[in-house]
Structures are given as C-alpha cells and as structure tokens.
C-alpha cells in the first residue's frame, strides 16, 4: 500500500461503499441534520434573497429576465429533485 494511501486512510478513514445501505443511511442522516440546522437560514434567504439578487444586477437590468427564470427553476425543479433523491434512499 502506498504511503499516501496510508496517510489518507489515517486522516479520513477507510473508503466507504456508496452502494451500501449503511453508507446511504449515514449520508441521509447527515443531510437531514444539516437541513434542520440550516432550515432557518433557507427560510430567511427565500424572503430577501431574490430581491438582493435583483439589486445586485445594478445597471445590467437586461439580465433580470434570466435571473427570474433561474430563480424559478431553482425553486420549482432543483429543490424538489434533491428532496426526492434524499427520500428515495431508505
């Protein structure tokens, strides 16, 4: 075993099998705890985030339509997709 691999295993531990049910349970648990811990931040960001994004455009108002589309796609497609993937890992 190369020395770099030994050092990596000492620091991070042995590699995990991503297809193992045990590994997926741990990943879901970490994601769930992060969701709880960061939930308040997400709620507050949804209140002032879009407005701040439009204010950040400044003089580039022609990009406003693209920003609105990206914001809608993120809220409508990306977030539910992430939730479905987490819920499907039982």
PDB file of N, CA and C in Angstrom:
ATOM      1  N   UNK A   1       0.853  -1.178   0.000  1.00  0.00           N
ATOM      2  CA  UNK A   1       0.000   0.000   0.000  1.00  0.00           C
ATOM      3  C   UNK A   1       0.896   1.237   0.000  1.00  0.00           C
ATOM      4  N   UNK A   2       0.672   2.162  -0.935  1.00  0.00           N
ATOM      5  CA  UNK A   2       1.495   3.371  -0.984  1.00  0.00           C
ATOM      6  C   UNK A   2       1.333   4.215   0.284  1.00  0.00           C
ATOM      7  N   UNK A   3       2.369   4.974   0.561  1.00  0.00           N
ATOM      8  CA  UNK A   3       2.368   5.794   1.779  1.00  0.00           C
ATOM      9  C   UNK A   3       1.265   6.850   1.744  1.00  0.00           C
ATOM     10  N   UNK A   4       0.999   7.409   0.579  1.00  0.00           N
ATOM     11  CA  UNK A   4      -0.048   8.437   0.511  1.00  0.00           C
ATOM     12  C   UNK A   4      -1.419   7.846   0.824  1.00  0.00           C
ATOM     13  N   UNK A   5      -1.637   6.611   0.416  1.00  0.00           N
ATOM     14  CA  UNK A   5      -2.921   5.968   0.709  1.00  0.00           C
ATOM     15  C   UNK A   5      -3.059   5.695   2.211  1.00  0.00           C
ATOM     16  N   UNK A   6      -1.967   5.278   2.840  1.00  0.00           N
ATOM     17  CA  UNK A   6      -1.998   5.037   4.287  1.00  0.00           C
ATOM     18  C   UNK A   6      -2.296   6.326   5.045  1.00  0.00           C
ATOM     19  N   UNK A   7      -1.656   7.396   4.620  1.00  0.00           N
ATOM     20  CA  UNK A   7      -1.876   8.678   5.290  1.00  0.00           C
ATOM     21  C   UNK A   7      -3.318   9.134   5.083  1.00  0.00           C
ATOM     22  N   UNK A   8      -3.828   8.969   3.862  1.00  0.00           N
ATOM     23  CA  UNK A   8      -5.205   9.348   3.578  1.00  0.00           C
ATOM     24  C   UNK A   8      -6.179   8.544   4.429  1.00  0.00           C
ATOM     25  N   UNK A   9      -5.941   7.242   4.563  1.00  0.00           N
ATOM     26  CA  UNK A   9      -6.823   6.416   5.390  1.00  0.00           C
ATOM     27  C   UNK A   9      -6.715   6.778   6.861  1.00  0.00           C
ATOM     28  N   UNK A  10      -5.534   7.194   7.312  1.00  0.00           N
ATOM     29  CA  UNK A  10      -5.394   7.600   8.709  1.00  0.00           C
ATOM     30  C   UNK A  10      -6.197   8.877   8.979  1.00  0.00           C
ATOM     31  N   UNK A  11      -6.227   9.771   8.015  1.00  0.00           N
ATOM     32  CA  UNK A  11      -6.918  11.041   8.207  1.00  0.00           C
ATOM     33  C   UNK A  11      -8.430  10.890   8.016  1.00  0.00           C
ATOM     34  N   UNK A  12      -8.839  10.250   6.902  1.00  0.00           N
ATOM     35  CA  UNK A  12     -10.253  10.189   6.542  1.00  0.00           C
ATOM     36  C   UNK A  12     -10.927   8.865   6.856  1.00  0.00           C
ATOM     37  N   UNK A  13     -10.170   7.837   7.160  1.00  0.00           N
ATOM     38  CA  UNK A  13     -10.750   6.517   7.401  1.00  0.00           C
ATOM     39  C   UNK A  13     -10.792   5.697   6.125  1.00  0.00           C
ATOM     40  N   UNK A  14     -11.251   4.469   6.268  1.00  0.00           N
ATOM     41  CA  UNK A  14     -11.316   3.562   5.123  1.00  0.00           C
ATOM     42  C   UNK A  14     -12.380   4.024   4.136  1.00  0.00           C
ATOM     43  N   UNK A  15     -12.188   3.734   2.847  1.00  0.00           N
ATOM     44  CA  UNK A  15     -13.201   4.119   1.864  1.00  0.00           C
ATOM     45  C   UNK A  15     -14.521   3.401   2.121  1.00  0.00           C
ATOM     46  N   UNK A  16     -15.619   4.094   1.841  1.00  0.00           N
ATOM     47  CA  UNK A  16     -16.946   3.517   2.038  1.00  0.00           C
ATOM     48  C   UNK A  16     -17.536   3.107   0.695  1.00  0.00           C
ATOM     49  N   UNK A  17     -18.340   2.073   0.722  1.00  0.00           N
ATOM     50  CA  UNK A  17     -19.045   1.625  -0.479  1.00  0.00           C
ATOM     51  C   UNK A  17     -20.281   2.499  -0.658  1.00  0.00           C
ATOM     52  N   UNK A  18     -20.362   3.286  -1.741  1.00  0.00           N
ATOM     53  CA  UNK A  18     -21.510   4.185  -1.912  1.00  0.00           C
ATOM     54  C   UNK A  18     -22.824   3.451  -2.147  1.00  0.00           C
ATOM     55  N   UNK A  19     -22.774   2.161  -2.488  1.00  0.00           N
ATOM     56  CA  UNK A  19     -23.992   1.401  -2.735  1.00  0.00           C
ATOM     57  C   UNK A  19     -24.473   0.639  -1.503  1.00  0.00           C
ATOM     58  N   UNK A  20     -23.737   0.714  -0.426  1.00  0.00           N
ATOM     59  CA  UNK A  20     -24.113   0.046   0.811  1.00  0.00           C
ATOM     60  C   UNK A  20     -25.272   0.786   1.477  1.00  0.00           C
ATOM     61  N   UNK A  21     -26.241   0.041   1.998  1.00  0.00           N
ATOM     62  CA  UNK A  21     -27.383   0.674   2.683  1.00  0.00           C
ATOM     63  C   UNK A  21     -26.924   1.439   3.913  1.00  0.00           C
ATOM     64  N   UNK A  22     -25.921   0.918   4.586  1.00  0.00           N
ATOM     65  CA  UNK A  22     -25.413   1.581   5.792  1.00  0.00           C
ATOM     66  C   UNK A  22     -24.817   2.954   5.450  1.00  0.00           C
ATOM     67  N   UNK A  23     -24.063   3.015   4.378  1.00  0.00           N
ATOM     68  CA  UNK A  23     -23.478   4.286   3.948  1.00  0.00           C
ATOM     69  C   UNK A  23     -24.569   5.274   3.573  1.00  0.00           C
ATOM     70  N   UNK A  24     -25.572   4.826   2.841  1.00  0.00           N
ATOM     71  CA  UNK A  24     -26.658   5.721   2.437  1.00  0.00           C
ATOM     72  C   UNK A  24     -27.425   6.229   3.648  1.00  0.00           C
ATOM     73  N   UNK A  25     -27.616   5.383   4.655  1.00  0.00           N
ATOM     74  CA  UNK A  25     -28.315   5.839   5.866  1.00  0.00           C
ATOM     75  C   UNK A  25     -27.540   6.946   6.557  1.00  0.00           C
ATOM     76  N   UNK A  26     -26.213   6.798   6.618  1.00  0.00           N
ATOM     77  CA  UNK A  26     -25.400   7.834   7.250  1.00  0.00           C
ATOM     78  C   UNK A  26     -25.444   9.138   6.455  1.00  0.00           C
ATOM     79  N   UNK A  27     -25.406   9.037   5.141  1.00  0.00           N
ATOM     80  CA  UNK A  27     -25.465  10.230   4.299  1.00  0.00           C
ATOM     81  C   UNK A  27     -26.810  10.929   4.478  1.00  0.00           C
ATOM     82  N   UNK A  28     -27.887  10.162   4.518  1.00  0.00           N
ATOM     83  CA  UNK A  28     -29.212  10.752   4.705  1.00  0.00           C
ATOM     84  C   UNK A  28     -29.307  11.401   6.077  1.00  0.00           C
ATOM     85  N   UNK A  29     -28.730  10.776   7.085  1.00  0.00           N
ATOM     86  CA  UNK A  29     -28.754  11.350   8.427  1.00  0.00           C
ATOM     87  C   UNK A  29     -28.011  12.684   8.460  1.00  0.00           C
ATOM     88  N   UNK A  30     -26.849  12.739   7.848  1.00  0.00           N
ATOM     89  CA  UNK A  30     -26.082  13.987   7.814  1.00  0.00           C
ATOM     90  C   UNK A  30     -26.861  15.056   7.063  1.00  0.00           C
ATOM     91  N   UNK A  31     -27.460  14.694   5.928  1.00  0.00           N
ATOM     92  CA  UNK A  31     -28.250  15.662   5.158  1.00  0.00           C
ATOM     93  C   UNK A  31     -29.452  16.144   5.959  1.00  0.00           C
ATOM     94  N   UNK A  32     -30.096  15.240   6.686  1.00  0.00           N
ATOM     95  CA  UNK A  32     -31.254  15.616   7.494  1.00  0.00           C
ATOM     96  C   UNK A  32     -30.851  16.579   8.606  1.00  0.00           C
ATOM     97  N   UNK A  33     -29.755  16.286   9.283  1.00  0.00           N
ATOM     98  CA  UNK A  33     -29.301  17.174  10.349  1.00  0.00           C
ATOM     99  C   UNK A  33     -28.881  18.531   9.796  1.00  0.00           C
ATOM    100  N   UNK A  34     -28.271  18.553   8.621  1.00  0.00           N
ATOM    101  CA  UNK A  34     -27.907  19.827   8.005  1.00  0.00           C
ATOM    102  C   UNK A  34     -29.164  20.601   7.618  1.00  0.00           C
ATOM    103  N   UNK A  35     -30.183  19.890   7.137  1.00  0.00           N
ATOM    104  CA  UNK A  35     -31.445  20.535   6.764  1.00  0.00           C
ATOM    105  C   UNK A  35     -32.079  21.187   7.985  1.00  0.00           C
ATOM    106  N   UNK A  36     -32.048  20.499   9.121  1.00  0.00           N
ATOM    107  CA  UNK A  36     -32.599  21.076  10.352  1.00  0.00           C
ATOM    108  C   UNK A  36     -31.781  22.286  10.772  1.00  0.00           C
ATOM    109  N   UNK A  37     -30.458  22.133  10.760  1.00  0.00           N
ATOM    110  CA  UNK A  37     -29.589  23.221  11.206  1.00  0.00           C
ATOM    111  C   UNK A  37     -29.631  24.435  10.304  1.00  0.00           C
ATOM    112  N   UNK A  38     -29.810  24.215   9.023  1.00  0.00           N
ATOM    113  CA  UNK A  38     -29.784  25.328   8.076  1.00  0.00           C
ATOM    114  C   UNK A  38     -31.175  25.757   7.626  1.00  0.00           C
ATOM    115  N   UNK A  39     -32.202  25.156   8.188  1.00  0.00           N
ATOM    116  CA  UNK A  39     -33.564  25.467   7.771  1.00  0.00           C
ATOM    117  C   UNK A  39     -33.934  26.919   7.955  1.00  0.00           C
ATOM    118  N   UNK A  40     -33.557  27.487   9.079  1.00  0.00           N
ATOM    119  CA  UNK A  40     -33.893  28.889   9.334  1.00  0.00           C
ATOM    120  C   UNK A  40     -33.186  29.800   8.346  1.00  0.00           C
ATOM    121  N   UNK A  41     -31.965  29.455   7.979  1.00  0.00           N
ATOM    122  CA  UNK A  41     -31.228  30.266   7.015  1.00  0.00           C
ATOM    123  C   UNK A  41     -31.907  30.218   5.655  1.00  0.00           C
ATOM    124  N   UNK A  42     -32.359  29.045   5.257  1.00  0.00           N
ATOM    125  CA  UNK A  42     -33.050  28.918   3.976  1.00  0.00           C
ATOM    126  C   UNK A  42     -34.347  29.691   3.942  1.00  0.00           C
ATOM    127  N   UNK A  43     -35.076  29.665   5.055  1.00  0.00           N
ATOM    128  CA  UNK A  43     -36.335  30.418   5.110  1.00  0.00           C
ATOM    129  C   UNK A  43     -36.093  31.914   5.026  1.00  0.00           C
ATOM    130  N   UNK A  44     -35.083  32.378   5.737  1.00  0.00           N
ATOM    131  CA  UNK A  44     -34.823  33.812   5.682  1.00  0.00           C
ATOM    132  C   UNK A  44     -34.275  34.215   4.320  1.00  0.00           C
ATOM    133  N   UNK A  45     -33.478  33.349   3.698  1.00  0.00           N
ATOM    134  CA  UNK A  45     -32.939  33.678   2.379  1.00  0.00           C
ATOM    135  C   UNK A  45     -34.036  33.749   1.326  1.00  0.00           C
ATOM    136  N   UNK A  46     -35.058  32.916   1.480  1.00  0.00           N
ATOM    137  CA  UNK A  46     -36.146  32.959   0.497  1.00  0.00           C
ATOM    138  C   UNK A  46     -36.927  34.263   0.592  1.00  0.00           C
ATOM    139  N   UNK A  47     -36.824  34.932   1.739  1.00  0.00           N
ATOM    140  CA  UNK A  47     -37.537  36.203   1.898  1.00  0.00           C
ATOM    141  C   UNK A  47     -36.777  37.367   1.271  1.00  0.00           C
ATOM    142  N   UNK A  48     -35.479  37.443   1.505  1.00  0.00           N
ATOM    143  CA  UNK A  48     -34.743  38.597   0.993  1.00  0.00           C
ATOM    144  C   UNK A  48     -33.800  38.247  -0.153  1.00  0.00           C
ATOM    145  N   UNK A  49     -33.568  36.982  -0.424  1.00  0.00           N
ATOM    146  CA  UNK A  49     -32.614  36.578  -1.450  1.00  0.00           C
ATOM    147  C   UNK A  49     -32.942  37.057  -2.849  1.00  0.00           C
ATOM    148  N   UNK A  50     -34.158  36.806  -3.359  1.00  0.00           N
ATOM    149  CA  UNK A  50     -34.470  37.261  -4.726  1.00  0.00           C
ATOM    150  C   UNK A  50     -34.345  38.774  -4.899  1.00  0.00           C
ATOM    151  N   UNK A  51     -34.788  39.524  -3.911  1.00  0.00           N
ATOM    152  CA  UNK A  51     -34.676  40.983  -4.018  1.00  0.00           C
ATOM    153  C   UNK A  51     -33.215  41.408  -4.078  1.00  0.00           C
ATOM    154  N   UNK A  52     -32.382  40.804  -3.227  1.00  0.00           N
ATOM    155  CA  UNK A  52     -30.956  41.137  -3.224  1.00  0.00           C
ATOM    156  C   UNK A  52     -30.301  40.761  -4.551  1.00  0.00           C
ATOM    157  N   UNK A  53     -30.745  39.657  -5.147  1.00  0.00           N
ATOM    158  CA  UNK A  53     -30.189  39.251  -6.436  1.00  0.00           C
ATOM    159  C   UNK A  53     -30.517  40.291  -7.508  1.00  0.00           C
ATOM    160  N   UNK A  54     -31.736  40.797  -7.505  1.00  0.00           N
ATOM    161  CA  UNK A  54     -32.111  41.817  -8.489  1.00  0.00           C
ATOM    162  C   UNK A  54     -31.385  43.132  -8.221  1.00  0.00           C
ATOM    163  N   UNK A  55     -31.173  43.466  -6.954  1.00  0.00           N
ATOM    164  CA  UNK A  55     -30.427  44.683  -6.643  1.00  0.00           C
ATOM    165  C   UNK A  55     -28.970  44.551  -7.071  1.00  0.00           C
ATOM    166  N   UNK A  56     -28.422  43.329  -7.002  1.00  0.00           N
ATOM    167  CA  UNK A  56     -27.032  43.110  -7.393  1.00  0.00           C
ATOM    168  C   UNK A  56     -26.825  43.263  -8.893  1.00  0.00           C
ATOM    169  N   UNK A  57     -27.886  43.173  -9.667  1.00  0.00           N
ATOM    170  CA  UNK A  57     -27.753  43.363 -11.115  1.00  0.00           C
ATOM    171  C   UNK A  57     -27.281  44.776 -11.450  1.00  0.00           C
ATOM    172  N   UNK A  58     -27.669  45.732 -10.627  1.00  0.00           N
ATOM    173  CA  UNK A  58     -27.246  47.112 -10.857  1.00  0.00           C
ATOM    174  C   UNK A  58     -27.715  47.632 -12.203  1.00  0.00           C
ATOM    175  N   UNK A  59     -26.789  48.048 -13.036  1.00  0.00           N
ATOM    176  CA  UNK A  59     -27.098  48.608 -14.348  1.00  0.00           C
ATOM    177  C   UNK A  59     -27.410  47.541 -15.392  1.00  0.00           C
ATOM    178  N   UNK A  60     -27.172  46.311 -15.086  1.00  0.00           N
ATOM    179  CA  UNK A  60     -27.391  45.220 -16.042  1.00  0.00           C
ATOM    180  C   UNK A  60     -28.816  44.689 -15.959  1.00  0.00           C
ATOM    181  N   UNK A  61     -29.769  45.541 -16.102  1.00  0.00           N
ATOM    182  CA  UNK A  61     -31.170  45.163 -15.954  1.00  0.00           C
ATOM    183  C   UNK A  61     -31.641  44.198 -17.035  1.00  0.00           C
ATOM    184  N   UNK A  62     -30.946  44.134 -18.158  1.00  0.00           N
ATOM    185  CA  UNK A  62     -31.347  43.220 -19.227  1.00  0.00           C
ATOM    186  C   UNK A  62     -31.184  41.761 -18.800  1.00  0.00           C
ATOM    187  N   UNK A  63     -30.421  41.497 -17.752  1.00  0.00           N
ATOM    188  CA  UNK A  63     -30.244  40.135 -17.256  1.00  0.00           C
ATOM    189  C   UNK A  63     -31.344  39.734 -16.273  1.00  0.00           C
ATOM    190  N   UNK A  64     -32.238  40.641 -15.952  1.00  0.00           N
ATOM    191  CA  UNK A  64     -33.288  40.386 -14.965  1.00  0.00           C
ATOM    192  C   UNK A  64     -34.193  39.226 -15.337  1.00  0.00           C
ATOM    193  N   UNK A  65     -34.546  39.119 -16.608  1.00  0.00           N
ATOM    194  CA  UNK A  65     -35.408  38.026 -17.043  1.00  0.00           C
ATOM    195  C   UNK A  65     -34.719  36.671 -16.826  1.00  0.00           C
ATOM    196  N   UNK A  66     -33.429  36.593 -17.161  1.00  0.00           N
ATOM    197  CA  UNK A  66     -32.685  35.345 -16.973  1.00  0.00           C
ATOM    198  C   UNK A  66     -32.552  35.000 -15.493  1.00  0.00           C
ATOM    199  N   UNK A  67     -32.361  36.021 -14.676  1.00  0.00           N
ATOM    200  CA  UNK A  67     -32.286  35.794 -13.233  1.00  0.00           C
ATOM    201  C   UNK A  67     -33.615  35.292 -12.691  1.00  0.00           C
ATOM    202  N   UNK A  68     -34.714  35.851 -13.167  1.00  0.00           N
ATOM    203  CA  UNK A  68     -36.040  35.401 -12.722  1.00  0.00           C
ATOM    204  C   UNK A  68     -36.283  33.950 -13.130  1.00  0.00           C
ATOM    205  N   UNK A  69     -35.895  33.593 -14.337  1.00  0.00           N
ATOM    206  CA  UNK A  69     -36.060  32.210 -14.802  1.00  0.00           C
ATOM    207  C   UNK A  69     -35.201  31.266 -13.960  1.00  0.00           C
ATOM    208  N   UNK A  70     -33.953  31.646 -13.711  1.00  0.00           N
ATOM    209  CA  UNK A  70     -33.070  30.796 -12.910  1.00  0.00           C
ATOM    210  C   UNK A  70     -33.597  30.631 -11.489  1.00  0.00           C
ATOM    211  N   UNK A  71     -34.134  31.702 -10.915  1.00  0.00           N
ATOM    212  CA  UNK A  71     -34.698  31.617  -9.565  1.00  0.00           C
ATOM    213  C   UNK A  71     -35.912  30.697  -9.544  1.00  0.00           C
ATOM    214  N   UNK A  72     -36.767  30.818 -10.551  1.00  0.00           N
ATOM    215  CA  UNK A  72     -37.966  29.972 -10.607  1.00  0.00           C
ATOM    216  C   UNK A  72     -37.598  28.505 -10.822  1.00  0.00           C
ATOM    217  N   UNK A  73     -36.638  28.243 -11.690  1.00  0.00           N
ATOM    218  CA  UNK A  73     -36.226  26.859 -11.951  1.00  0.00           C
ATOM    219  C   UNK A  73     -35.602  26.251 -10.703  1.00  0.00           C
ATOM    220  N   UNK A  74     -34.808  27.025  -9.994  1.00  0.00           N
ATOM    221  CA  UNK A  74     -34.185  26.516  -8.773  1.00  0.00           C
ATOM    222  C   UNK A  74     -35.241  26.140  -7.743  1.00  0.00           C
ATOM    223  N   UNK A  75     -36.198  27.002  -7.528  1.00  0.00           N
ATOM    224  CA  UNK A  75     -37.230  26.734  -6.532  1.00  0.00           C
ATOM    225  C   UNK A  75     -38.223  25.682  -6.963  1.00  0.00           C
ATOM    226  N   UNK A  76     -38.467  25.594  -8.262  1.00  0.00           N
ATOM    227  CA  UNK A  76     -39.503  24.701  -8.759  1.00  0.00           C
ATOM    228  C   UNK A  76     -38.983  23.313  -9.128  1.00  0.00           C
ATOM    229  N   UNK A  77     -37.752  23.213  -9.574  1.00  0.00           N
ATOM    230  CA  UNK A  77     -37.231  21.937 -10.071  1.00  0.00           C
ATOM    231  C   UNK A  77     -36.086  21.371  -9.239  1.00  0.00           C
ATOM    232  N   UNK A  78     -35.093  22.174  -8.923  1.00  0.00           N
ATOM    233  CA  UNK A  78     -33.884  21.660  -8.281  1.00  0.00           C
ATOM    234  C   UNK A  78     -34.139  21.254  -6.835  1.00  0.00           C
ATOM    235  N   UNK A  79     -34.806  22.085  -6.074  1.00  0.00           N
ATOM    236  CA  UNK A  79     -35.056  21.779  -4.663  1.00  0.00           C
ATOM    237  C   UNK A  79     -35.912  20.515  -4.501  1.00  0.00           C
ATOM    238  N   UNK A  80     -37.048  20.382  -5.203  1.00  0.00           N
ATOM    239  CA  UNK A  80     -37.822  19.141  -5.060  1.00  0.00           C
ATOM    240  C   UNK A  80     -37.062  17.900  -5.538  1.00  0.00           C
ATOM    241  N   UNK A  81     -36.221  18.052  -6.548  1.00  0.00           N
ATOM    242  CA  UNK A  81     -35.426  16.917  -7.020  1.00  0.00           C
ATOM    243  C   UNK A  81     -34.485  16.431  -5.924  1.00  0.00           C
ATOM    244  N   UNK A  82     -33.850  17.365  -5.232  1.00  0.00           N
ATOM    245  CA  UNK A  82     -32.980  16.994  -4.126  1.00  0.00           C
ATOM    246  C   UNK A  82     -33.743  16.312  -2.998  1.00  0.00           C
ATOM    247  N   UNK A  83     -34.918  16.813  -2.700  1.00  0.00           N
ATOM    248  CA  UNK A  83     -35.738  16.192  -1.654  1.00  0.00           C
ATOM    249  C   UNK A  83     -36.152  14.772  -2.042  1.00  0.00           C
ATOM    250  N   UNK A  84     -36.565  14.584  -3.302  1.00  0.00           N
ATOM    251  CA  UNK A  84     -36.968  13.245  -3.752  1.00  0.00           C
ATOM    252  C   UNK A  84     -35.800  12.270  -3.685  1.00  0.00           C
ATOM    253  N   UNK A  85     -34.622  12.725  -4.045  1.00  0.00           N
ATOM    254  CA  UNK A  85     -33.452  11.840  -4.008  1.00  0.00           C
ATOM    255  C   UNK A  85     -33.118  11.442  -2.577  1.00  0.00           C
ATOM    256  N   UNK A  86     -33.264  12.380  -1.633  1.00  0.00           N
ATOM    257  CA  UNK A  86     -32.995  12.048  -0.238  1.00  0.00           C
ATOM    258  C   UNK A  86     -34.041  11.087   0.308  1.00  0.00           C
ATOM    259  N   UNK A  87     -35.287  11.293  -0.046  1.00  0.00           N
ATOM    260  CA  UNK A  87     -36.349  10.437   0.465  1.00  0.00           C
ATOM    261  C   UNK A  87     -36.295   9.050  -0.150  1.00  0.00           C
ATOM    262  N   UNK A  88     -35.718   8.910  -1.327  1.00  0.00           N
ATOM    263  CA  UNK A  88     -35.641   7.618  -2.001  1.00  0.00           C
ATOM    264  C   UNK A  88     -34.516   6.735  -1.506  1.00  0.00           C
ATOM    265  N   UNK A  89     -33.717   7.204  -0.578  1.00  0.00           N
ATOM    266  CA  UNK A  89     -32.549   6.443  -0.100  1.00  0.00           C
ATOM    267  C   UNK A  89     -32.841   5.644   1.157  1.00  0.00           C
ATOM    268  N   UNK A  90     -34.031   5.059   1.320  1.00  0.00           N
ATOM    269  CA  UNK A  90     -34.258   4.291   2.552  1.00  0.00           C
ATOM    270  C   UNK A  90     -33.778   2.914   2.415  1.00  0.00           C
TER     271      UNK A  90
END
